[in-house]
Amino acid sequence: MRKKLISILFFCMLGTVVLYAQQVVKIACVGNSITYGSGIANREKLSYPAQLQAWLGSRYDVKNFGVSGATMLRKGDRPYWNQPEYQAVMNFNPDIIIIKLGTNDSKPQNWKFADEFEKDYTDMIVAFKDLESKPRILLALPVPVFVPDKWGIRDSIVRDRIIPMIKDIAKDTKCSYIDLYTPLLPFKWAFPDDVHPNSLGAAEMVEQIYRSLFQRDKLHSSGYLNTAVLPAPGAECRGALAGWGEGKDWYSEFDEINKIGLDRKVDLVLLGNSVTQGWGGEGRSVLSPVPEIWDSLFKPLNAGNFGISGDRTQNVLWRVLNGEFDKVKPKVVALEIGVNNFQENSAKEIADGIQSIVRALQKKAPSTKIILFGPLPAGINSKDPNRQKYRQVHEIIHGLSNGKNVFYQNMDKKFINPDGSLVEGLMSDDAIHLTAAGYRVWASVLVPEARKLLGK
């Protein structure tokens, strides 16, 4: 009888654990126009809350409650307290709340009530803590203002007055704070109007928020986070500069790629970043220096070009997990990726990112064979940091080749002279992108290998 009772209790507990594991974690993003996504085209997918949703996946429900011009101060010119979004947060009953207010409070007409800032902020925290969900609350420090004064928003007030206050509030209320000021100082280029981030600036915000959510920042002992293996959509918004056409962003390319293979047979997928994108081909409205190569060599192989400019390992990994590989089921994938991670990640981290893509491909399309190029040669000579990183990555990823479904290819002999210099005429001045001649050399390796694996 006792054993039966223990078994019943065990299965009840197990059911509770499973039920809890299946619950969706609700995150409310409280803030001003920066949270709302003002100035970001396609803000529904590229504002910081939308990008955070994509990073976190289906086990989370991230809602954007940003209000342009909102202040924390009750006596400010647009108090968040008085907006419908404030009550909407309460009704949402979230598990986590990220508060990012303070930027608009720095305006003279608002900051004259500075003595009430700490009380108003603390009162909002108390109101949120009283919710039935008893949410975890994170206080986001305002992002930098990249000029002394813009629309009355003053960086000196944000930096020297508001941020210290928020840190004190976090300590007094036993909340964590997220530093969005210091880590974003190098990203002036991502703030077109010096106040609001573009989609790339929002992506930098998301990384800092993600680190704080999971205690992967410098404030915690578990600070390590390899972003190269963290599936994340791209945030590129360069349009014509990326070869996509005016007004297009990363999602327009992802959507375009997802249509390839749904109405025609695709045996070979070319998967990677801008170097792969440069092949052009059917279904892609991108610039290509070698359209004749596609028509003569790739079209007969039923190829599809899945390259997106700017992609890093984490972006390709997200595309594999969220794309149509299980429907397209290519026989062969040629994988070129990694160079866009060089500035941010170590060689080991990049290699781990590439390995994650290989494993994801093998899981989603088990019968697919992979031609593994990794990053193509980079850097003007052996002393160039990009060349050194390239070498280090390849020292690791060549071990992924197994002769069964992963086939490693090294392009050194084709692109690099014995003295370490690049073969003249094959690469652009940046020593990363290929010229038309460089694409012909790459094709001389890629196409025969693809034909062999396709049995053609």
Protein backbone atom coordinates (compact mmCIF):
# COMPACT_ATOMS: atom_id res chain seq x y z
CA MET A 1 0.00 0.00 0.00
CA ARG A 2 2.85 2.34 0.94
CA LYS A 3 4.65 1.62 -2.34
CA LYS A 4 1.45 2.36 -4.27
CA LEU A 5 1.03 5.66 -2.40
CA ILE A 6 4.64 6.64 -3.13
CA SER A 7 4.13 5.81 -6.80
CA ILE A 8 0.99 7.96 -6.96
CA LEU A 9 2.79 10.86 -5.27
CA PHE A 10 5.75 10.47 -7.62
CA PHE A 11 3.62 10.61 -10.76
CA CYS A 12 1.65 13.57 -9.40
CA MET A 13 4.91 15.42 -8.79
CA LEU A 14 6.18 14.43 -12.23
CA GLY A 15 2.99 15.72 -13.80
CA THR A 16 3.40 19.01 -11.97
CA VAL A 17 6.99 19.33 -13.19
CA VAL A 18 5.99 18.58 -16.79
CA LEU A 19 3.11 21.07 -16.58
CA TYR A 20 5.45 23.73 -15.17
CA ALA A 21 8.01 23.04 -17.89
CA GLN A 22 5.33 23.58 -20.52
CA GLN A 23 4.18 26.92 -19.13
CA VAL A 24 5.02 29.96 -21.20
CA VAL A 25 7.03 32.64 -19.40
CA LYS A 26 5.48 36.08 -19.96
CA ILE A 27 7.81 39.07 -20.30
CA ALA A 28 6.57 42.67 -20.32
CA CYS A 29 8.85 45.32 -21.82
CA VAL A 30 7.97 48.65 -20.22
CA GLY A 31 9.55 51.74 -21.73
CA ASN A 32 9.56 54.73 -24.03
CA SER A 33 10.09 55.15 -27.80
CA ILE A 34 13.31 53.14 -27.67
CA THR A 35 11.35 50.16 -26.38
CA TYR A 36 8.51 50.87 -28.81
CA GLY A 37 10.98 50.78 -31.70
CA SER A 38 10.59 54.28 -33.09
CA GLY A 39 12.59 54.78 -36.27
CA ILE A 40 13.03 51.05 -36.86
CA ALA A 41 11.51 49.82 -40.11
CA ASN A 42 9.64 46.57 -39.55
CA ARG A 43 9.62 47.28 -35.82
CA GLU A 44 7.16 44.41 -35.31
CA LYS A 45 10.11 42.08 -35.88
CA LEU A 46 13.15 44.29 -35.27
CA SER A 47 12.37 46.37 -32.16
CA TYR A 48 14.24 45.13 -29.12
CA PRO A 49 11.23 43.28 -27.59
CA ALA A 50 10.54 41.56 -30.93
CA GLN A 51 14.17 40.50 -31.27
CA LEU A 52 14.18 39.30 -27.66
CA GLN A 53 11.16 37.14 -28.47
CA ALA A 54 13.03 35.56 -31.38
CA TRP A 55 16.09 34.91 -29.23
CA LEU A 56 14.04 33.28 -26.46
CA GLY A 57 11.72 31.16 -28.61
CA SER A 58 8.28 29.70 -28.11
CA ARG A 59 8.59 29.04 -24.37
CA TYR A 60 8.42 32.80 -23.83
CA ASP A 61 5.81 35.42 -24.65
CA VAL A 62 7.44 38.85 -24.94
CA LYS A 63 5.13 41.84 -25.21
CA ASN A 64 6.10 45.38 -26.20
CA PHE A 65 4.52 47.98 -23.91
CA GLY A 66 6.68 50.89 -25.05
CA VAL A 67 5.17 54.40 -25.24
CA SER A 68 6.92 57.14 -27.22
CA GLY A 69 7.84 60.11 -25.05
CA ALA A 70 6.95 58.37 -21.78
CA THR A 71 8.46 59.47 -18.48
CA MET A 72 8.81 57.72 -15.17
CA LEU A 73 8.02 60.97 -13.36
CA ARG A 74 4.34 61.32 -12.52
CA LYS A 75 4.65 65.06 -13.10
CA GLY A 76 6.48 64.62 -16.39
CA ASP A 77 4.99 65.72 -19.70
CA ARG A 78 3.89 62.17 -20.56
CA PRO A 79 3.86 59.94 -17.46
CA TYR A 80 3.91 56.22 -18.21
CA TRP A 81 1.55 55.89 -15.28
CA ASN A 82 -1.23 57.59 -17.25
CA GLN A 83 -0.88 55.54 -20.46
CA PRO A 84 -3.15 52.62 -21.40
CA GLU A 85 -0.02 50.47 -21.67
CA TYR A 86 0.54 50.71 -17.91
CA GLN A 87 -2.79 49.06 -17.22
CA ALA A 88 -2.15 46.61 -20.06
CA VAL A 89 1.00 45.47 -18.25
CA MET A 90 -1.03 44.89 -15.11
CA ASN A 91 -3.62 42.89 -17.04
CA PHE A 92 -0.88 40.84 -18.72
CA ASN A 93 0.23 39.67 -15.25
CA PRO A 94 3.77 38.94 -16.47
CA ASP A 95 6.42 36.71 -14.93
CA ILE A 96 9.22 39.13 -15.81
CA ILE A 97 9.10 42.91 -16.27
CA ILE A 98 11.87 44.92 -17.87
CA ILE A 99 11.55 48.63 -17.08
CA LYS A 100 13.44 50.96 -19.40
CA LEU A 101 12.42 54.50 -18.54
CA GLY A 102 14.39 57.63 -17.71
CA THR A 103 15.59 59.05 -21.02
CA ASN A 104 12.70 61.50 -21.41
CA ASP A 105 12.88 62.39 -17.73
CA SER A 106 16.18 64.16 -18.48
CA LYS A 107 14.36 66.95 -20.38
CA PRO A 108 14.36 70.27 -18.47
CA GLN A 109 10.56 70.44 -18.14
CA ASN A 110 10.62 67.01 -16.54
CA TRP A 111 13.86 67.01 -14.59
CA LYS A 112 12.74 69.99 -12.52
CA PHE A 113 10.88 67.29 -10.58
CA ALA A 114 14.09 65.27 -10.09
CA ASP A 115 13.51 64.98 -6.35
CA GLU A 116 10.49 62.79 -7.05
CA PHE A 117 12.18 60.41 -9.51
CA GLU A 118 13.29 57.81 -6.98
CA LYS A 119 9.91 57.72 -5.26
CA ASP A 120 7.98 57.42 -8.52
CA TYR A 121 10.29 54.66 -9.78
CA THR A 122 10.06 52.78 -6.47
CA ASP A 123 6.27 53.11 -6.44
CA MET A 124 6.06 51.54 -9.90
CA ILE A 125 8.23 48.64 -8.80
CA VAL A 126 6.03 48.11 -5.73
CA ALA A 127 2.89 48.20 -7.90
CA PHE A 128 4.35 45.57 -10.22
CA LYS A 129 5.57 43.41 -7.35
CA ASP A 130 2.02 43.33 -5.97
CA LEU A 131 0.76 41.56 -9.08
CA GLU A 132 -0.54 38.04 -8.63
CA SER A 133 2.33 36.70 -10.75
CA LYS A 134 4.95 38.21 -8.37
CA PRO A 135 7.17 39.08 -11.31
CA ARG A 136 10.92 39.28 -11.42
CA ILE A 137 11.71 42.91 -12.21
CA LEU A 138 14.80 44.12 -14.06
CA LEU A 139 15.67 47.80 -14.30
CA ALA A 140 17.31 48.73 -17.60
CA LEU A 141 19.67 51.68 -17.48
CA PRO A 142 18.98 54.14 -20.32
CA VAL A 143 21.06 53.82 -23.48
CA PRO A 144 23.59 56.59 -24.24
CA VAL A 145 22.59 59.88 -25.81
CA PHE A 146 25.37 60.47 -28.35
CA VAL A 147 25.19 64.27 -28.30
CA PRO A 148 25.05 66.57 -25.26
CA ASP A 149 21.45 67.61 -25.96
CA LYS A 150 18.83 66.27 -28.38
CA TRP A 151 15.21 67.41 -28.15
CA GLY A 152 15.98 68.39 -24.55
CA ILE A 153 17.24 64.88 -23.74
CA ARG A 154 20.57 65.46 -21.98
CA ASP A 155 23.25 62.80 -21.80
CA SER A 156 24.88 64.41 -18.75
CA ILE A 157 21.64 64.07 -16.78
CA VAL A 158 21.13 60.50 -17.99
CA ARG A 159 24.72 59.51 -17.19
CA ASP A 160 25.43 61.42 -13.97
CA ARG A 161 22.04 61.65 -12.30
CA ILE A 162 19.47 59.17 -13.60
CA ILE A 163 21.70 56.10 -13.93
CA PRO A 164 23.14 56.39 -10.38
CA MET A 165 19.59 56.80 -9.07
CA ILE A 166 18.37 53.67 -10.87
CA LYS A 167 21.30 51.67 -9.48
CA ASP A 168 20.39 52.84 -5.95
CA ILE A 169 16.75 51.97 -6.57
CA ALA A 170 17.73 48.51 -7.75
CA LYS A 171 19.70 47.95 -4.56
CA ASP A 172 16.96 49.28 -2.27
CA THR A 173 14.20 47.26 -3.96
CA LYS A 174 16.31 44.12 -4.40
CA CYS A 175 15.94 44.22 -8.17
CA SER A 176 18.62 43.55 -10.76
CA TYR A 177 19.65 46.24 -13.20
CA ILE A 178 20.77 45.86 -16.82
CA ASP A 179 23.53 48.14 -18.01
CA LEU A 180 22.49 49.33 -21.46
CA TYR A 181 24.65 52.44 -21.24
CA THR A 182 28.31 51.35 -21.04
CA PRO A 183 28.13 48.35 -23.43
CA LEU A 184 26.43 50.47 -26.10
CA LEU A 185 28.89 53.38 -26.03
CA PRO A 186 30.91 51.94 -28.97
CA PHE A 187 27.75 51.77 -31.12
CA LYS A 188 27.14 55.42 -32.04
CA TRP A 189 26.85 54.27 -35.66
CA ALA A 190 23.77 52.23 -34.67
CA PHE A 191 21.92 55.33 -33.38
CA PRO A 192 21.07 57.32 -36.53
CA ASP A 193 19.50 60.24 -34.64
CA ASP A 194 21.85 59.92 -31.62
CA VAL A 195 18.96 58.81 -29.36
CA HIS A 196 17.10 55.89 -30.96
CA PRO A 197 18.86 52.65 -31.97
CA ASN A 198 18.34 51.13 -35.37
CA SER A 199 17.67 47.39 -35.58
CA LEU A 200 21.37 46.59 -35.10
CA GLY A 201 21.53 48.79 -32.01
CA ALA A 202 18.41 47.04 -30.72
CA ALA A 203 20.20 43.72 -31.23
CA GLU A 204 23.04 44.92 -29.01
CA MET A 205 20.46 45.82 -26.38
CA VAL A 206 18.96 42.35 -26.63
CA GLU A 207 22.33 40.71 -26.02
CA GLN A 208 22.81 42.67 -22.80
CA ILE A 209 19.24 41.93 -21.69
CA TYR A 210 19.66 38.23 -22.49
CA ARG A 211 22.86 38.13 -20.45
CA SER A 212 21.10 39.69 -17.47
CA LEU A 213 18.03 37.47 -17.76
CA PHE A 214 20.17 34.35 -17.51
CA GLN A 215 22.93 35.86 -15.34
CA ARG A 216 25.52 35.61 -18.10
CA ASP A 217 27.03 39.03 -17.44
CA LYS A 218 30.10 40.25 -15.55
CA LEU A 219 28.08 40.69 -12.35
CA HIS A 220 27.73 36.93 -11.99
CA SER A 221 30.19 34.06 -11.75
CA SER A 222 28.40 32.25 -14.58
CA GLY A 223 29.26 35.09 -16.94
CA TYR A 224 30.28 33.05 -19.96
CA LEU A 225 28.00 33.19 -22.98
CA ASN A 226 28.98 32.00 -26.44
CA THR A 227 26.74 34.04 -28.72
CA ALA A 228 27.98 32.04 -31.73
CA VAL A 229 25.89 29.04 -30.65
CA LEU A 230 22.82 30.98 -29.51
CA PRO A 231 20.18 30.75 -32.29
CA ALA A 232 19.17 34.29 -33.23
CA PRO A 233 17.68 35.90 -36.34
CA GLY A 234 19.68 38.62 -38.04
CA ALA A 235 19.00 42.30 -37.47
CA GLU A 236 20.53 43.66 -40.67
CA CYS A 237 18.66 46.59 -42.19
CA ARG A 238 21.11 47.78 -44.88
CA GLY A 239 18.83 47.20 -47.85
CA ALA A 240 20.62 48.20 -51.03
CA LEU A 241 24.02 48.22 -49.30
CA ALA A 242 23.58 44.55 -48.52
CA GLY A 243 22.60 43.81 -52.11
CA TRP A 244 18.92 43.26 -51.29
CA GLY A 245 17.32 46.38 -52.72
CA GLU A 246 16.11 49.61 -51.15
CA GLY A 247 13.97 49.20 -48.03
CA LYS A 248 14.59 45.48 -47.54
CA ASP A 249 15.81 43.94 -44.31
CA TRP A 250 17.04 40.58 -43.03
CA TYR A 251 13.52 39.16 -42.70
CA SER A 252 12.72 39.98 -46.32
CA GLU A 253 15.64 37.75 -47.33
CA PHE A 254 14.68 35.01 -44.88
CA ASP A 255 11.13 35.01 -46.27
CA GLU A 256 12.44 34.97 -49.83
CA ILE A 257 14.69 32.01 -49.08
CA ASN A 258 11.86 30.07 -47.43
CA LYS A 259 9.98 30.09 -50.73
CA ILE A 260 12.86 28.44 -52.58
CA GLY A 261 12.28 24.74 -53.06
CA LEU A 262 8.58 24.78 -52.27
CA ASP A 263 7.66 24.92 -55.96
CA ARG A 264 10.71 23.25 -57.48
CA LYS A 265 13.19 20.54 -56.67
CA VAL A 266 16.30 21.67 -54.78
CA ASP A 267 19.10 19.14 -54.50
CA LEU A 268 21.92 21.49 -53.54
CA VAL A 269 21.65 24.33 -51.01
CA LEU A 270 24.35 26.99 -50.77
CA LEU A 271 24.17 28.16 -47.15
CA GLY A 272 26.08 31.11 -45.73
CA ASN A 273 26.61 34.87 -45.58
CA SER A 274 27.25 37.59 -48.19
CA VAL A 275 29.97 35.53 -49.88
CA THR A 276 27.40 32.81 -50.58
CA GLN A 277 24.70 35.36 -51.35
CA GLY A 278 26.95 36.61 -54.16
CA TRP A 279 26.18 33.52 -56.24
CA GLY A 280 22.72 34.97 -56.98
CA GLY A 281 20.39 32.51 -58.66
CA GLU A 282 16.74 31.62 -58.99
CA GLY A 283 14.43 32.99 -56.33
CA ARG A 284 16.91 35.62 -55.12
CA SER A 285 16.70 39.29 -56.01
CA VAL A 286 20.31 40.00 -55.02
CA LEU A 287 23.36 41.36 -56.80
CA SER A 288 25.78 38.81 -58.24
CA PRO A 289 29.11 39.31 -60.04
CA VAL A 290 28.82 35.89 -61.69
CA PRO A 291 25.25 35.21 -62.90
CA GLU A 292 26.65 33.12 -65.75
CA ILE A 293 28.14 30.63 -63.27
CA TRP A 294 24.75 30.06 -61.73
CA ASP A 295 23.14 29.43 -65.09
CA SER A 296 25.88 27.14 -66.38
CA LEU A 297 26.96 25.23 -63.28
CA PHE A 298 24.45 25.51 -60.43
CA LYS A 299 21.13 25.50 -62.26
CA PRO A 300 21.79 22.00 -63.71
CA LEU A 301 22.39 20.81 -60.12
CA ASN A 302 18.98 22.11 -58.96
CA ALA A 303 20.67 24.52 -56.58
CA GLY A 304 19.17 27.06 -54.21
CA ASN A 305 21.05 30.04 -52.78
CA PHE A 306 20.41 30.41 -49.02
CA GLY A 307 23.08 33.05 -48.36
CA ILE A 308 22.26 36.26 -46.44
CA SER A 309 24.66 39.18 -46.16
CA GLY A 310 25.94 39.82 -42.66
CA ASP A 311 24.97 36.43 -41.26
CA ARG A 312 26.95 34.96 -38.41
CA THR A 313 26.87 31.39 -37.18
CA GLN A 314 24.00 32.12 -34.78
CA ASN A 315 21.88 33.57 -37.59
CA VAL A 316 22.39 30.57 -39.87
CA LEU A 317 21.68 28.27 -36.93
CA TRP A 318 18.37 30.08 -36.32
CA ARG A 319 17.51 29.81 -40.02
CA VAL A 320 18.16 26.07 -40.03
CA LEU A 321 15.97 25.59 -36.96
CA ASN A 322 13.18 27.88 -38.18
CA GLY A 323 13.43 27.49 -41.95
CA GLU A 324 12.18 24.94 -44.45
CA PHE A 325 15.00 22.37 -44.51
CA ASP A 326 12.64 19.62 -43.36
CA LYS A 327 10.42 20.36 -46.37
CA VAL A 328 13.10 21.08 -48.97
CA LYS A 329 15.27 18.13 -47.87
CA PRO A 330 18.32 18.94 -50.03
CA LYS A 331 20.67 16.12 -50.86
CA VAL A 332 23.71 18.34 -50.32
CA VAL A 333 24.37 21.56 -48.38
CA ALA A 334 27.52 23.62 -48.98
CA LEU A 335 28.14 25.54 -45.74
CA GLU A 336 30.26 28.72 -45.77
CA ILE A 337 30.06 30.76 -42.56
CA GLY A 338 32.04 32.27 -39.69
CA VAL A 339 33.89 35.37 -40.90
CA ASN A 340 31.29 37.80 -39.53
CA ASN A 341 31.93 36.34 -36.06
CA PHE A 342 35.64 37.18 -36.17
CA GLN A 343 35.37 40.49 -34.30
CA GLU A 344 33.10 39.23 -31.53
CA ASN A 345 33.97 35.59 -30.93
CA SER A 346 37.03 33.45 -30.30
CA ALA A 347 38.06 30.76 -32.79
CA LYS A 348 36.77 28.05 -30.44
CA GLU A 349 33.43 29.81 -30.08
CA ILE A 350 33.09 30.17 -33.85
CA ALA A 351 34.00 26.53 -34.39
CA ASP A 352 31.38 25.54 -31.82
CA GLY A 353 28.86 27.67 -33.73
CA ILE A 354 29.70 25.90 -36.98
CA GLN A 355 29.41 22.53 -35.26
CA SER A 356 25.98 23.55 -33.94
CA ILE A 357 24.84 24.30 -37.49
CA VAL A 358 26.12 20.94 -38.72
CA ARG A 359 24.29 19.13 -35.94
CA ALA A 360 21.08 21.08 -36.55
CA LEU A 361 21.23 20.24 -40.26
CA GLN A 362 21.79 16.58 -39.49
CA LYS A 363 18.78 16.56 -37.18
CA LYS A 364 16.43 18.45 -39.48
CA ALA A 365 17.55 16.80 -42.73
CA PRO A 366 19.21 13.52 -41.69
CA SER A 367 19.92 12.30 -45.22
CA THR A 368 21.62 15.55 -46.30
CA LYS A 369 25.36 15.55 -46.94
CA ILE A 370 27.34 18.62 -45.94
CA ILE A 371 30.30 20.15 -47.77
CA LEU A 372 31.95 22.11 -44.97
CA PHE A 373 33.90 25.19 -46.05
CA GLY A 374 33.55 27.17 -42.84
CA PRO A 375 34.93 30.68 -43.41
CA LEU A 376 36.74 31.18 -46.71
CA PRO A 377 40.29 32.61 -46.59
CA ALA A 378 40.43 36.09 -45.06
CA GLY A 379 43.10 38.65 -44.26
CA ILE A 380 45.76 40.12 -46.57
CA ASN A 381 48.68 38.15 -45.09
CA SER A 382 49.70 35.75 -42.33
CA LYS A 383 49.98 38.52 -39.73
CA ASP A 384 46.50 39.88 -40.37
CA PRO A 385 44.25 39.14 -37.32
CA ASN A 386 41.53 37.87 -39.68
CA ARG A 387 43.96 35.37 -41.21
CA GLN A 388 45.03 34.18 -37.78
CA LYS A 389 41.43 33.73 -36.68
CA TYR A 390 40.68 31.94 -39.96
CA ARG A 391 43.56 29.50 -39.36
CA GLN A 392 42.49 28.81 -35.78
CA VAL A 393 38.89 28.08 -36.78
CA HIS A 394 39.96 25.66 -39.50
CA GLU A 395 42.34 23.84 -37.16
CA ILE A 396 39.22 22.88 -35.19
CA ILE A 397 36.47 22.37 -37.77
CA HIS A 398 38.42 20.02 -40.04
CA GLY A 399 37.78 17.44 -37.32
CA LEU A 400 34.04 17.58 -38.08
CA SER A 401 34.64 15.73 -41.34
CA ASN A 402 33.64 12.08 -41.08
CA GLY A 403 33.68 10.87 -44.69
CA LYS A 404 30.02 9.84 -44.41
CA ASN A 405 27.84 12.95 -44.34
CA VAL A 406 30.28 15.77 -43.54
CA PHE A 407 33.05 16.53 -46.02
CA TYR A 408 35.53 19.24 -45.07
CA GLN A 409 37.05 21.46 -47.77
CA ASN A 410 40.01 23.80 -47.27
CA MET A 411 40.54 26.57 -49.83
CA ASP A 412 44.05 27.61 -48.77
CA LYS A 413 45.90 26.33 -51.82
CA LYS A 414 43.47 28.09 -54.15
CA PHE A 415 43.52 31.50 -52.48
CA ILE A 416 46.76 31.80 -50.48
CA ASN A 417 50.32 31.89 -51.81
CA PRO A 418 53.12 29.98 -50.03
CA ASP A 419 54.36 33.25 -48.49
CA GLY A 420 50.93 33.89 -46.94
CA SER A 421 49.82 36.60 -49.36
CA LEU A 422 46.55 36.31 -51.22
CA VAL A 423 46.52 35.14 -54.80
CA GLU A 424 46.16 38.31 -56.80
CA GLY A 425 42.76 39.18 -58.24
CA LEU A 426 40.63 36.69 -56.30
CA MET A 427 39.48 38.84 -53.40
CA SER A 428 38.18 42.36 -52.92
CA ASP A 429 40.14 45.03 -51.06
CA ASP A 430 38.58 43.96 -47.75
CA ALA A 431 40.27 40.56 -48.09
CA ILE A 432 36.95 38.88 -47.31
CA HIS A 433 34.65 39.15 -50.31
CA LEU A 434 35.38 37.47 -53.64
CA THR A 435 35.84 38.97 -57.06
CA ALA A 436 34.29 37.33 -60.10
CA ALA A 437 37.60 35.47 -60.57
CA GLY A 438 37.43 34.34 -56.94
CA TYR A 439 33.96 32.90 -57.46
CA ARG A 440 35.23 30.94 -60.47
CA VAL A 441 38.01 29.45 -58.34
CA TRP A 442 35.56 28.56 -55.57
CA ALA A 443 33.26 26.96 -58.14
CA SER A 444 36.17 24.82 -59.37
CA VAL A 445 36.17 23.12 -55.96
CA LEU A 446 32.51 23.33 -54.92
CA VAL A 447 30.85 22.12 -58.11
CA PRO A 448 32.89 18.89 -58.64
CA GLU A 449 32.42 17.95 -54.96
CA ALA A 450 28.68 18.62 -55.19
CA ARG A 451 28.39 16.59 -58.37
CA LYS A 452 30.17 13.67 -56.72
CA LEU A 453 27.90 13.71 -53.67
CA LEU A 454 24.82 14.12 -55.86
CA GLY A 455 25.92 11.21 -58.01
CA LYS A 456 26.00 13.33 -61.19
